[in-house]
Amino acid sequence: METKQKTATHTAFVRSDVNNHNGALDYYVVLELMTGRRYALQTTVNCPERLKKAAQTITETKLSEINIEEHWSEIDPAYGSQRHAEIGDFHLMDEEEFNYGREQGYW
C-alpha cells in the first residue's frame, strides 16, 4: 500500500511489509527525496490510518526541518532514480545476503 503526496523536494507515503516474526503487516512512513533516496521512519504500527496523517505532515514540512539522522533509516532507493543509478542494487545488503544471491545465480 502506497499513498504518495509530492512537494518540490520530497514525498512521504505509507508503506507496508510483512512482519517476519508473526506474518502480520507492519506499516511505516517512507520519506523519498526527489533524487530517489529513501528513508524509513523508525516506527512501525499495524494501523495505516495512524500513519497517513504523519505522512501528510512530513510532506508539508520543509526538508531542512526533518531530522533524518535521528529518526530515519536509509532504505533501498527508488528504482530507476538518480540515487539508484549512483549506487546500484546492492548497497544495503549485508555480506550474507549478497553471497546467497550470488550462489543462487541472481547476479
PDB file of N, CA and C in Angstrom:
ATOM      1  N   MET A   1       0.845  -1.178   0.000  1.00  0.00           N
ATOM      2  CA  MET A   1       0.000   0.000   0.000  1.00  0.00           C
ATOM      3  C   MET A   1       0.886   1.234   0.000  1.00  0.00           C
ATOM      4  N   GLU A   2       0.733   2.078  -0.993  1.00  0.00           N
ATOM      5  CA  GLU A   2       1.494   3.318  -1.053  1.00  0.00           C
ATOM      6  C   GLU A   2       0.550   4.450  -1.437  1.00  0.00           C
ATOM      7  N   THR A   3       0.542   5.493  -0.637  1.00  0.00           N
ATOM      8  CA  THR A   3      -0.203   6.704  -0.943  1.00  0.00           C
ATOM      9  C   THR A   3       0.803   7.834  -0.925  1.00  0.00           C
ATOM     10  N   LYS A   4       1.097   8.420  -2.093  1.00  0.00           N
ATOM     11  CA  LYS A   4       2.143   9.432  -2.183  1.00  0.00           C
ATOM     12  C   LYS A   4       1.535  10.819  -2.354  1.00  0.00           C
ATOM     13  N   GLN A   5       2.212  11.787  -1.752  1.00  0.00           N
ATOM     14  CA  GLN A   5       1.922  13.191  -1.969  1.00  0.00           C
ATOM     15  C   GLN A   5       3.257  13.863  -2.199  1.00  0.00           C
ATOM     16  N   LYS A   6       3.350  14.766  -3.181  1.00  0.00           N
ATOM     17  CA  LYS A   6       4.642  15.319  -3.567  1.00  0.00           C
ATOM     18  C   LYS A   6       4.789  16.789  -3.185  1.00  0.00           C
ATOM     19  N   THR A   7       6.029  17.156  -2.896  1.00  0.00           N
ATOM     20  CA  THR A   7       6.411  18.553  -2.760  1.00  0.00           C
ATOM     21  C   THR A   7       7.575  18.749  -3.717  1.00  0.00           C
ATOM     22  N   ALA A   8       8.151  19.919  -3.717  1.00  0.00           N
ATOM     23  CA  ALA A   8       9.272  20.197  -4.613  1.00  0.00           C
ATOM     24  C   ALA A   8      10.527  19.420  -4.223  1.00  0.00           C
ATOM     25  N   THR A   9      10.678  19.040  -2.964  1.00  0.00           N
ATOM     26  CA  THR A   9      11.914  18.397  -2.524  1.00  0.00           C
ATOM     27  C   THR A   9      11.750  16.955  -2.070  1.00  0.00           C
ATOM     28  N   HIS A  10      10.556  16.565  -1.641  1.00  0.00           N
ATOM     29  CA  HIS A  10      10.387  15.220  -1.098  1.00  0.00           C
ATOM     30  C   HIS A  10       8.937  14.776  -1.129  1.00  0.00           C
ATOM     31  N   THR A  11       8.758  13.479  -0.917  1.00  0.00           N
ATOM     32  CA  THR A  11       7.454  12.835  -0.845  1.00  0.00           C
ATOM     33  C   THR A  11       7.437  11.972   0.403  1.00  0.00           C
ATOM     34  N   ALA A  12       6.318  11.918   1.083  1.00  0.00           N
ATOM     35  CA  ALA A  12       6.166  10.998   2.206  1.00  0.00           C
ATOM     36  C   ALA A  12       4.949  10.131   1.930  1.00  0.00           C
ATOM     37  N   PHE A  13       5.067   8.831   2.212  1.00  0.00           N
ATOM     38  CA  PHE A  13       3.949   7.917   1.983  1.00  0.00           C
ATOM     39  C   PHE A  13       4.021   6.755   2.955  1.00  0.00           C
ATOM     40  N   VAL A  14       2.897   6.059   3.077  1.00  0.00           N
ATOM     41  CA  VAL A  14       2.794   4.907   3.965  1.00  0.00           C
ATOM     42  C   VAL A  14       3.056   3.646   3.146  1.00  0.00           C
ATOM     43  N   ARG A  15       3.842   2.767   3.720  1.00  0.00           N
ATOM     44  CA  ARG A  15       4.197   1.514   3.052  1.00  0.00           C
ATOM     45  C   ARG A  15       3.989   0.373   4.044  1.00  0.00           C
ATOM     46  N   SER A  16       3.782  -0.830   3.525  1.00  0.00           N
ATOM     47  CA  SER A  16       3.625  -1.990   4.408  1.00  0.00           C
ATOM     48  C   SER A  16       4.592  -3.094   4.013  1.00  0.00           C
ATOM     49  N   ASP A  17       4.996  -3.871   5.000  1.00  0.00           N
ATOM     50  CA  ASP A  17       5.831  -5.059   4.816  1.00  0.00           C
ATOM     51  C   ASP A  17       5.311  -6.141   5.747  1.00  0.00           C
ATOM     52  N   VAL A  18       5.546  -7.380   5.379  1.00  0.00           N
ATOM     53  CA  VAL A  18       5.159  -8.493   6.234  1.00  0.00           C
ATOM     54  C   VAL A  18       6.166  -8.622   7.366  1.00  0.00           C
ATOM     55  N   ASN A  19       5.654  -8.726   8.580  1.00  0.00           N
ATOM     56  CA  ASN A  19       6.498  -8.914   9.757  1.00  0.00           C
ATOM     57  C   ASN A  19       6.997 -10.357   9.760  1.00  0.00           C
ATOM     58  N   ASN A  20       8.307 -10.537   9.782  1.00  0.00           N
ATOM     59  CA  ASN A  20       8.886 -11.881   9.731  1.00  0.00           C
ATOM     60  C   ASN A  20       8.604 -12.707  10.980  1.00  0.00           C
ATOM     61  N   HIS A  21       8.236 -12.070  12.073  1.00  0.00           N
ATOM     62  CA  HIS A  21       8.016 -12.802  13.323  1.00  0.00           C
ATOM     63  C   HIS A  21       6.611 -13.377  13.435  1.00  0.00           C
ATOM     64  N   ASN A  22       5.619 -12.633  12.944  1.00  0.00           N
ATOM     65  CA  ASN A  22       4.247 -13.115  13.124  1.00  0.00           C
ATOM     66  C   ASN A  22       3.407 -13.109  11.848  1.00  0.00           C
ATOM     67  N   GLY A  23       3.969 -12.692  10.725  1.00  0.00           N
ATOM     68  CA  GLY A  23       3.245 -12.709   9.458  1.00  0.00           C
ATOM     69  C   GLY A  23       2.256 -11.572   9.265  1.00  0.00           C
ATOM     70  N   ALA A  24       2.099 -10.715  10.265  1.00  0.00           N
ATOM     71  CA  ALA A  24       1.181  -9.582  10.155  1.00  0.00           C
ATOM     72  C   ALA A  24       1.827  -8.463   9.330  1.00  0.00           C
ATOM     73  N   LEU A  25       1.020  -7.555   8.838  1.00  0.00           N
ATOM     74  CA  LEU A  25       1.547  -6.400   8.113  1.00  0.00           C
ATOM     75  C   LEU A  25       1.959  -5.320   9.094  1.00  0.00           C
ATOM     76  N   ASP A  26       3.132  -4.775   8.891  1.00  0.00           N
ATOM     77  CA  ASP A  26       3.597  -3.605   9.626  1.00  0.00           C
ATOM     78  C   ASP A  26       3.584  -2.428   8.661  1.00  0.00           C
ATOM     79  N   TYR A  27       3.123  -1.295   9.124  1.00  0.00           N
ATOM     80  CA  TYR A  27       3.058  -0.095   8.301  1.00  0.00           C
ATOM     81  C   TYR A  27       4.059   0.928   8.823  1.00  0.00           C
ATOM     82  N   TYR A  28       4.661   1.688   7.918  1.00  0.00           N
ATOM     83  CA  TYR A  28       5.626   2.705   8.293  1.00  0.00           C
ATOM     84  C   TYR A  28       5.636   3.802   7.239  1.00  0.00           C
ATOM     85  N   VAL A  29       6.201   4.938   7.604  1.00  0.00           N
ATOM     86  CA  VAL A  29       6.281   6.076   6.695  1.00  0.00           C
ATOM     87  C   VAL A  29       7.624   6.038   5.971  1.00  0.00           C
ATOM     88  N   VAL A  30       7.571   6.289   4.675  1.00  0.00           N
ATOM     89  CA  VAL A  30       8.780   6.399   3.859  1.00  0.00           C
ATOM     90  C   VAL A  30       8.905   7.844   3.397  1.00  0.00           C
ATOM     91  N   LEU A  31      10.090   8.383   3.559  1.00  0.00           N
ATOM     92  CA  LEU A  31      10.434   9.709   3.059  1.00  0.00           C
ATOM     93  C   LEU A  31      11.282   9.502   1.814  1.00  0.00           C
ATOM     94  N   GLU A  32      10.831  10.010   0.685  1.00  0.00           N
ATOM     95  CA  GLU A  32      11.573   9.856  -0.562  1.00  0.00           C
ATOM     96  C   GLU A  32      11.977  11.231  -1.087  1.00  0.00           C
ATOM     97  N   LEU A  33      13.276  11.421  -1.229  1.00  0.00           N
ATOM     98  CA  LEU A  33      13.772  12.664  -1.804  1.00  0.00           C
ATOM     99  C   LEU A  33      13.617  12.613  -3.312  1.00  0.00           C
ATOM    100  N   MET A  34      13.596  13.738  -3.949  1.00  0.00           N
ATOM    101  CA  MET A  34      13.393  13.774  -5.397  1.00  0.00           C
ATOM    102  C   MET A  34      14.518  13.094  -6.174  1.00  0.00           C
ATOM    103  N   THR A  35      15.665  12.883  -5.537  1.00  0.00           N
ATOM    104  CA  THR A  35      16.769  12.154  -6.175  1.00  0.00           C
ATOM    105  C   THR A  35      16.548  10.646  -6.129  1.00  0.00           C
ATOM    106  N   GLY A  36      15.532  10.198  -5.376  1.00  0.00           N
ATOM    107  CA  GLY A  36      15.242   8.779  -5.240  1.00  0.00           C
ATOM    108  C   GLY A  36      15.756   8.164  -3.955  1.00  0.00           C
ATOM    109  N   ARG A  37      16.523   8.910  -3.188  1.00  0.00           N
ATOM    110  CA  ARG A  37      16.996   8.409  -1.889  1.00  0.00           C
ATOM    111  C   ARG A  37      15.778   8.247  -0.993  1.00  0.00           C
ATOM    112  N   ARG A  38      15.711   7.116  -0.274  1.00  0.00           N
ATOM    113  CA  ARG A  38      14.563   6.829   0.585  1.00  0.00           C
ATOM    114  C   ARG A  38      15.002   6.528   2.012  1.00  0.00           C
ATOM    115  N   TYR A  39      14.142   6.925   2.950  1.00  0.00           N
ATOM    116  CA  TYR A  39      14.359   6.681   4.369  1.00  0.00           C
ATOM    117  C   TYR A  39      13.061   6.155   4.976  1.00  0.00           C
ATOM    118  N   ALA A  40      13.173   5.208   5.902  1.00  0.00           N
ATOM    119  CA  ALA A  40      12.010   4.691   6.624  1.00  0.00           C
ATOM    120  C   ALA A  40      12.014   5.256   8.035  1.00  0.00           C
ATOM    121  N   LEU A  41      10.861   5.752   8.462  1.00  0.00           N
ATOM    122  CA  LEU A  41      10.722   6.225   9.833  1.00  0.00           C
ATOM    123  C   LEU A  41      10.899   5.033  10.769  1.00  0.00           C
ATOM    124  N   GLN A  42      11.615   5.211  11.846  1.00  0.00           N
ATOM    125  CA  GLN A  42      11.963   4.107  12.744  1.00  0.00           C
ATOM    126  C   GLN A  42      10.827   3.753  13.697  1.00  0.00           C
ATOM    127  N   THR A  43       9.617   3.767  13.182  1.00  0.00           N
ATOM    128  CA  THR A  43       8.432   3.390  13.940  1.00  0.00           C
ATOM    129  C   THR A  43       7.513   2.617  13.012  1.00  0.00           C
ATOM    130  N   THR A  44       7.021   1.474  13.471  1.00  0.00           N
ATOM    131  CA  THR A  44       6.030   0.725  12.702  1.00  0.00           C
ATOM    132  C   THR A  44       4.780   0.553  13.547  1.00  0.00           C
ATOM    133  N   VAL A  45       3.638   0.472  12.877  1.00  0.00           N
ATOM    134  CA  VAL A  45       2.369   0.223  13.547  1.00  0.00           C
ATOM    135  C   VAL A  45       1.563  -0.736  12.674  1.00  0.00           C
ATOM    136  N   ASN A  46       0.484  -1.263  13.229  1.00  0.00           N
ATOM    137  CA  ASN A  46      -0.347  -2.166  12.434  1.00  0.00           C
ATOM    138  C   ASN A  46      -1.615  -1.488  11.934  1.00  0.00           C
ATOM    139  N   CYS A  47      -1.654  -0.176  11.997  1.00  0.00           N
ATOM    140  CA  CYS A  47      -2.823   0.587  11.546  1.00  0.00           C
ATOM    141  C   CYS A  47      -2.366   1.714  10.612  1.00  0.00           C
ATOM    142  N   PRO A  48      -2.590   1.568   9.308  1.00  0.00           N
ATOM    143  CA  PRO A  48      -2.101   2.579   8.363  1.00  0.00           C
ATOM    144  C   PRO A  48      -2.749   3.950   8.531  1.00  0.00           C
ATOM    145  N   GLU A  49      -3.968   3.988   9.043  1.00  0.00           N
ATOM    146  CA  GLU A  49      -4.656   5.276   9.196  1.00  0.00           C
ATOM    147  C   GLU A  49      -3.898   6.201  10.138  1.00  0.00           C
ATOM    148  N   ARG A  50      -3.239   5.637  11.153  1.00  0.00           N
ATOM    149  CA  ARG A  50      -2.473   6.451  12.097  1.00  0.00           C
ATOM    150  C   ARG A  50      -1.285   7.120  11.417  1.00  0.00           C
ATOM    151  N   LEU A  51      -0.743   6.466  10.383  1.00  0.00           N
ATOM    152  CA  LEU A  51       0.450   6.999   9.726  1.00  0.00           C
ATOM    153  C   LEU A  51       0.147   7.935   8.561  1.00  0.00           C
ATOM    154  N   LYS A  52      -1.049   7.853   8.002  1.00  0.00           N
ATOM    155  CA  LYS A  52      -1.376   8.716   6.859  1.00  0.00           C
ATOM    156  C   LYS A  52      -1.265  10.192   7.214  1.00  0.00           C
ATOM    157  N   LYS A  53      -1.739  10.551   8.396  1.00  0.00           N
ATOM    158  CA  LYS A  53      -1.637  11.950   8.840  1.00  0.00           C
ATOM    159  C   LYS A  53      -0.175  12.337   9.023  1.00  0.00           C
ATOM    160  N   ALA A  54       0.619  11.436   9.597  1.00  0.00           N
ATOM    161  CA  ALA A  54       2.048  11.722   9.773  1.00  0.00           C
ATOM    162  C   ALA A  54       2.723  11.917   8.415  1.00  0.00           C
ATOM    163  N   ALA A  55       2.388  11.085   7.447  1.00  0.00           N
ATOM    164  CA  ALA A  55       2.977  11.216   6.105  1.00  0.00           C
ATOM    165  C   ALA A  55       2.608  12.556   5.483  1.00  0.00           C
ATOM    166  N   GLN A  56       1.368  12.953   5.662  1.00  0.00           N
ATOM    167  CA  GLN A  56       0.931  14.248   5.126  1.00  0.00           C
ATOM    168  C   GLN A  56       1.682  15.394   5.786  1.00  0.00           C
ATOM    169  N   THR A  57       1.835  15.332   7.094  1.00  0.00           N
ATOM    170  CA  THR A  57       2.561  16.371   7.829  1.00  0.00           C
ATOM    171  C   THR A  57       4.016  16.427   7.372  1.00  0.00           C
ATOM    172  N   ILE A  58       4.646  15.282   7.204  1.00  0.00           N
ATOM    173  CA  ILE A  58       6.037  15.229   6.760  1.00  0.00           C
ATOM    174  C   ILE A  58       6.172  15.809   5.358  1.00  0.00           C
ATOM    175  N   THR A  59       5.218  15.494   4.492  1.00  0.00           N
ATOM    176  CA  THR A  59       5.241  16.038   3.139  1.00  0.00           C
ATOM    177  C   THR A  59       5.159  17.558   3.156  1.00  0.00           C
ATOM    178  N   GLU A  60       4.390  18.093   4.067  1.00  0.00           N
ATOM    179  CA  GLU A  60       4.186  19.538   4.143  1.00  0.00           C
ATOM    180  C   GLU A  60       5.297  20.255   4.907  1.00  0.00           C
ATOM    181  N   THR A  61       6.177  19.512   5.554  1.00  0.00           N
ATOM    182  CA  THR A  61       7.266  20.096   6.337  1.00  0.00           C
ATOM    183  C   THR A  61       8.470  20.349   5.441  1.00  0.00           C
ATOM    184  N   LYS A  62       9.163  21.456   5.670  1.00  0.00           N
ATOM    185  CA  LYS A  62      10.390  21.727   4.925  1.00  0.00           C
ATOM    186  C   LYS A  62      11.396  20.627   5.211  1.00  0.00           C
ATOM    187  N   LEU A  63      12.081  20.182   4.184  1.00  0.00           N
ATOM    188  CA  LEU A  63      13.051  19.107   4.338  1.00  0.00           C
ATOM    189  C   LEU A  63      14.118  19.462   5.371  1.00  0.00           C
ATOM    190  N   SER A  64      14.512  20.714   5.424  1.00  0.00           N
ATOM    191  CA  SER A  64      15.544  21.150   6.376  1.00  0.00           C
ATOM    192  C   SER A  64      15.089  21.008   7.832  1.00  0.00           C
ATOM    193  N   GLU A  65      13.785  20.869   8.059  1.00  0.00           N
ATOM    194  CA  GLU A  65      13.249  20.740   9.413  1.00  0.00           C
ATOM    195  C   GLU A  65      13.034  19.281   9.818  1.00  0.00           C
ATOM    196  N   ILE A  66      13.312  18.343   8.923  1.00  0.00           N
ATOM    197  CA  ILE A  66      13.141  16.919   9.213  1.00  0.00           C
ATOM    198  C   ILE A  66      14.475  16.354   9.684  1.00  0.00           C
ATOM    199  N   ASN A  67      14.492  15.783  10.868  1.00  0.00           N
ATOM    200  CA  ASN A  67      15.724  15.261  11.449  1.00  0.00           C
ATOM    201  C   ASN A  67      15.959  13.831  10.946  1.00  0.00           C
ATOM    202  N   ILE A  68      16.507  13.726   9.743  1.00  0.00           N
ATOM    203  CA  ILE A  68      16.702  12.420   9.116  1.00  0.00           C
ATOM    204  C   ILE A  68      17.681  11.563   9.912  1.00  0.00           C
ATOM    205  N   GLU A  69      18.741  12.139  10.390  1.00  0.00           N
ATOM    206  CA  GLU A  69      19.777  11.357  11.078  1.00  0.00           C
ATOM    207  C   GLU A  69      19.292  10.715  12.369  1.00  0.00           C
ATOM    208  N   GLU A  70      18.352  11.333  13.046  1.00  0.00           N
ATOM    209  CA  GLU A  70      17.931  10.819  14.348  1.00  0.00           C
ATOM    210  C   GLU A  70      16.761   9.843  14.267  1.00  0.00           C
ATOM    211  N   HIS A  71      15.843  10.033  13.340  1.00  0.00           N
ATOM    212  CA  HIS A  71      14.594   9.271  13.358  1.00  0.00           C
ATOM    213  C   HIS A  71      14.356   8.378  12.147  1.00  0.00           C
ATOM    214  N   TRP A  72      15.296   8.334  11.215  1.00  0.00           N
ATOM    215  CA  TRP A  72      15.070   7.623   9.957  1.00  0.00           C
ATOM    216  C   TRP A  72      16.232   6.684   9.648  1.00  0.00           C
ATOM    217  N   SER A  73      15.935   5.615   8.908  1.00  0.00           N
ATOM    218  CA  SER A  73      16.964   4.678   8.436  1.00  0.00           C
ATOM    219  C   SER A  73      16.907   4.643   6.915  1.00  0.00           C
ATOM    220  N   GLU A  74      18.069   4.741   6.284  1.00  0.00           N
ATOM    221  CA  GLU A  74      18.090   4.690   4.823  1.00  0.00           C
ATOM    222  C   GLU A  74      17.702   3.302   4.347  1.00  0.00           C
ATOM    223  N   ILE A  75      16.870   3.256   3.316  1.00  0.00           N
ATOM    224  CA  ILE A  75      16.446   2.006   2.698  1.00  0.00           C
ATOM    225  C   ILE A  75      16.777   2.073   1.215  1.00  0.00           C
ATOM    226  N   ASP A  76      16.464   1.005   0.481  1.00  0.00           N
ATOM    227  CA  ASP A  76      16.766   0.983  -0.948  1.00  0.00           C
ATOM    228  C   ASP A  76      16.168   2.190  -1.647  1.00  0.00           C
ATOM    229  N   PRO A  77      16.890   2.758  -2.603  1.00  0.00           N
ATOM    230  CA  PRO A  77      16.381   3.922  -3.330  1.00  0.00           C
ATOM    231  C   PRO A  77      15.274   3.530  -4.306  1.00  0.00           C
ATOM    232  N   ALA A  78      14.566   4.514  -4.796  1.00  0.00           N
ATOM    233  CA  ALA A  78      13.543   4.276  -5.807  1.00  0.00           C
ATOM    234  C   ALA A  78      14.209   3.727  -7.063  1.00  0.00           C
ATOM    235  N   TYR A  79      13.666   2.639  -7.586  1.00  0.00           N
ATOM    236  CA  TYR A  79      14.247   2.003  -8.763  1.00  0.00           C
ATOM    237  C   TYR A  79      14.207   2.972  -9.947  1.00  0.00           C
ATOM    238  N   GLY A  80      15.313   3.075 -10.650  1.00  0.00           N
ATOM    239  CA  GLY A  80      15.401   3.938 -11.821  1.00  0.00           C
ATOM    240  C   GLY A  80      15.682   5.398 -11.513  1.00  0.00           C
ATOM    241  N   SER A  81      15.822   5.722 -10.234  1.00  0.00           N
ATOM    242  CA  SER A  81      16.065   7.114  -9.841  1.00  0.00           C
ATOM    243  C   SER A  81      17.541   7.471 -10.005  1.00  0.00           C
ATOM    244  N   GLN A  82      17.825   8.741  -9.829  1.00  0.00           N
ATOM    245  CA  GLN A  82      19.202   9.220  -9.846  1.00  0.00           C
ATOM    246  C   GLN A  82      20.034   8.500  -8.788  1.00  0.00           C
ATOM    247  N   ARG A  83      19.488   8.355  -7.576  1.00  0.00           N
ATOM    248  CA  ARG A  83      20.219   7.689  -6.498  1.00  0.00           C
ATOM    249  C   ARG A  83      20.469   6.214  -6.814  1.00  0.00           C
ATOM    250  N   HIS A  84      19.489   5.558  -7.409  1.00  0.00           N
ATOM    251  CA  HIS A  84      19.654   4.158  -7.793  1.00  0.00           C
ATOM    252  C   HIS A  84      20.774   4.017  -8.810  1.00  0.00           C
ATOM    253  N   ALA A  85      20.845   4.939  -9.764  1.00  0.00           N
ATOM    254  CA  ALA A  85      21.902   4.908 -10.778  1.00  0.00           C
ATOM    255  C   ALA A  85      23.284   5.104 -10.142  1.00  0.00           C
ATOM    256  N   GLU A  86      23.344   5.884  -9.076  1.00  0.00           N
ATOM    257  CA  GLU A  86      24.616   6.157  -8.401  1.00  0.00           C
ATOM    258  C   GLU A  86      25.147   4.950  -7.621  1.00  0.00           C
ATOM    259  N   ILE A  87      24.257   4.207  -6.963  1.00  0.00           N
ATOM    260  CA  ILE A  87      24.732   3.163  -6.055  1.00  0.00           C
ATOM    261  C   ILE A  87      24.367   1.748  -6.457  1.00  0.00           C
ATOM    262  N   GLY A  88      23.473   1.562  -7.396  1.00  0.00           N
ATOM    263  CA  GLY A  88      23.107   0.210  -7.807  1.00  0.00           C
ATOM    264  C   GLY A  88      22.165  -0.465  -6.834  1.00  0.00           C
ATOM    265  N   ASP A  89      22.110  -1.784  -6.933  1.00  0.00           N
ATOM    266  CA  ASP A  89      21.122  -2.558  -6.181  1.00  0.00           C
ATOM    267  C   ASP A  89      21.611  -3.152  -4.874  1.00  0.00           C
ATOM    268  N   PHE A  90      22.891  -3.172  -4.613  1.00  0.00           N
ATOM    269  CA  PHE A  90      23.398  -3.998  -3.531  1.00  0.00           C
ATOM    270  C   PHE A  90      23.890  -3.235  -2.309  1.00  0.00           C
ATOM    271  N   HIS A  91      23.723  -1.933  -2.242  1.00  0.00           N
ATOM    272  CA  HIS A  91      24.329  -1.150  -1.171  1.00  0.00           C
ATOM    273  C   HIS A  91      23.820  -1.471   0.227  1.00  0.00           C
ATOM    274  N   LEU A  92      22.593  -1.940   0.375  1.00  0.00           N
ATOM    275  CA  LEU A  92      22.053  -2.177   1.707  1.00  0.00           C
ATOM    276  C   LEU A  92      22.079  -3.650   2.116  1.00  0.00           C
ATOM    277  N   MET A  93      22.578  -4.518   1.253  1.00  0.00           N
ATOM    278  CA  MET A  93      22.654  -5.937   1.595  1.00  0.00           C
ATOM    279  C   MET A  93      23.858  -6.201   2.477  1.00  0.00           C
ATOM    280  N   ASP A  94      23.648  -7.057   3.473  1.00  0.00           N
ATOM    281  CA  ASP A  94      24.825  -7.479   4.224  1.00  0.00           C
ATOM    282  C   ASP A  94      25.542  -8.562   3.425  1.00  0.00           C
ATOM    283  N   GLU A  95      26.708  -8.924   3.855  1.00  0.00           N
ATOM    284  CA  GLU A  95      27.546  -9.853   3.087  1.00  0.00           C
ATOM    285  C   GLU A  95      26.862 -11.208   2.892  1.00  0.00           C
ATOM    286  N   GLU A  96      26.166 -11.679   3.920  1.00  0.00           N
ATOM    287  CA  GLU A  96      25.486 -12.971   3.826  1.00  0.00           C
ATOM    288  C   GLU A  96      24.403 -12.953   2.751  1.00  0.00           C
ATOM    289  N   GLU A  97      23.587 -11.885   2.715  1.00  0.00           N
ATOM    290  CA  GLU A  97      22.551 -11.768   1.690  1.00  0.00           C
ATOM    291  C   GLU A  97      23.155 -11.700   0.296  1.00  0.00           C
ATOM    292  N   PHE A  98      24.208 -10.911   0.167  1.00  0.00           N
ATOM    293  CA  PHE A  98      24.858 -10.757  -1.132  1.00  0.00           C
ATOM    294  C   PHE A  98      25.402 -12.097  -1.619  1.00  0.00           C
ATOM    295  N   ASN A  99      26.094 -12.811  -0.746  1.00  0.00           N
ATOM    296  CA  ASN A  99      26.666 -14.104  -1.124  1.00  0.00           C
ATOM    297  C   ASN A  99      25.591 -15.129  -1.457  1.00  0.00           C
ATOM    298  N   TYR A 100      24.488 -15.123  -0.716  1.00  0.00           N
ATOM    299  CA  TYR A 100      23.384 -16.033  -1.015  1.00  0.00           C
ATOM    300  C   TYR A 100      22.827 -15.747  -2.414  1.00  0.00           C
ATOM    301  N   GLY A 101      22.622 -14.480  -2.727  1.00  0.00           N
ATOM    302  CA  GLY A 101      22.136 -14.116  -4.053  1.00  0.00           C
ATOM    303  C   GLY A 101      23.072 -14.555  -5.154  1.00  0.00           C
ATOM    304  N   ARG A 102      24.350 -14.411  -4.901  1.00  0.00           N
ATOM    305  CA  ARG A 102      25.355 -14.842  -5.879  1.00  0.00           C
ATOM    306  C   ARG A 102      25.287 -16.366  -6.062  1.00  0.00           C
ATOM    307  N   GLU A 103      25.188 -17.108  -4.950  1.00  0.00           N
ATOM    308  CA  GLU A 103      25.099 -18.572  -5.015  1.00  0.00           C
ATOM    309  C   GLU A 103      23.856 -19.039  -5.765  1.00  0.00           C
ATOM    310  N   GLN A 104      22.767 -18.295  -5.633  1.00  0.00           N
ATOM    311  CA  GLN A 104      21.506 -18.653  -6.289  1.00  0.00           C
ATOM    312  C   GLN A 104      21.477 -18.231  -7.755  1.00  0.00           C
ATOM    313  N   GLY A 105      22.501 -17.501  -8.184  1.00  0.00           N
ATOM    314  CA  GLY A 105      22.570 -17.069  -9.573  1.00  0.00           C
ATOM    315  C   GLY A 105      21.764 -15.822  -9.890  1.00  0.00           C
ATOM    316  N   TYR A 106      21.396 -15.061  -8.829  1.00  0.00           N
ATOM    317  CA  TYR A 106      20.630 -13.840  -9.060  1.00  0.00           C
ATOM    318  C   TYR A 106      21.479 -12.756  -9.713  1.00  0.00           C
ATOM    319  N   TRP A 107      22.791 -12.798  -9.501  1.00  0.00           N
ATOM    320  CA  TRP A 107      23.722 -11.855 -10.113  1.00  0.00           C
ATOM    321  C   TRP A 107      25.062 -12.492 -10.269  1.00  0.00           C
TER     322      TRP A 107
END
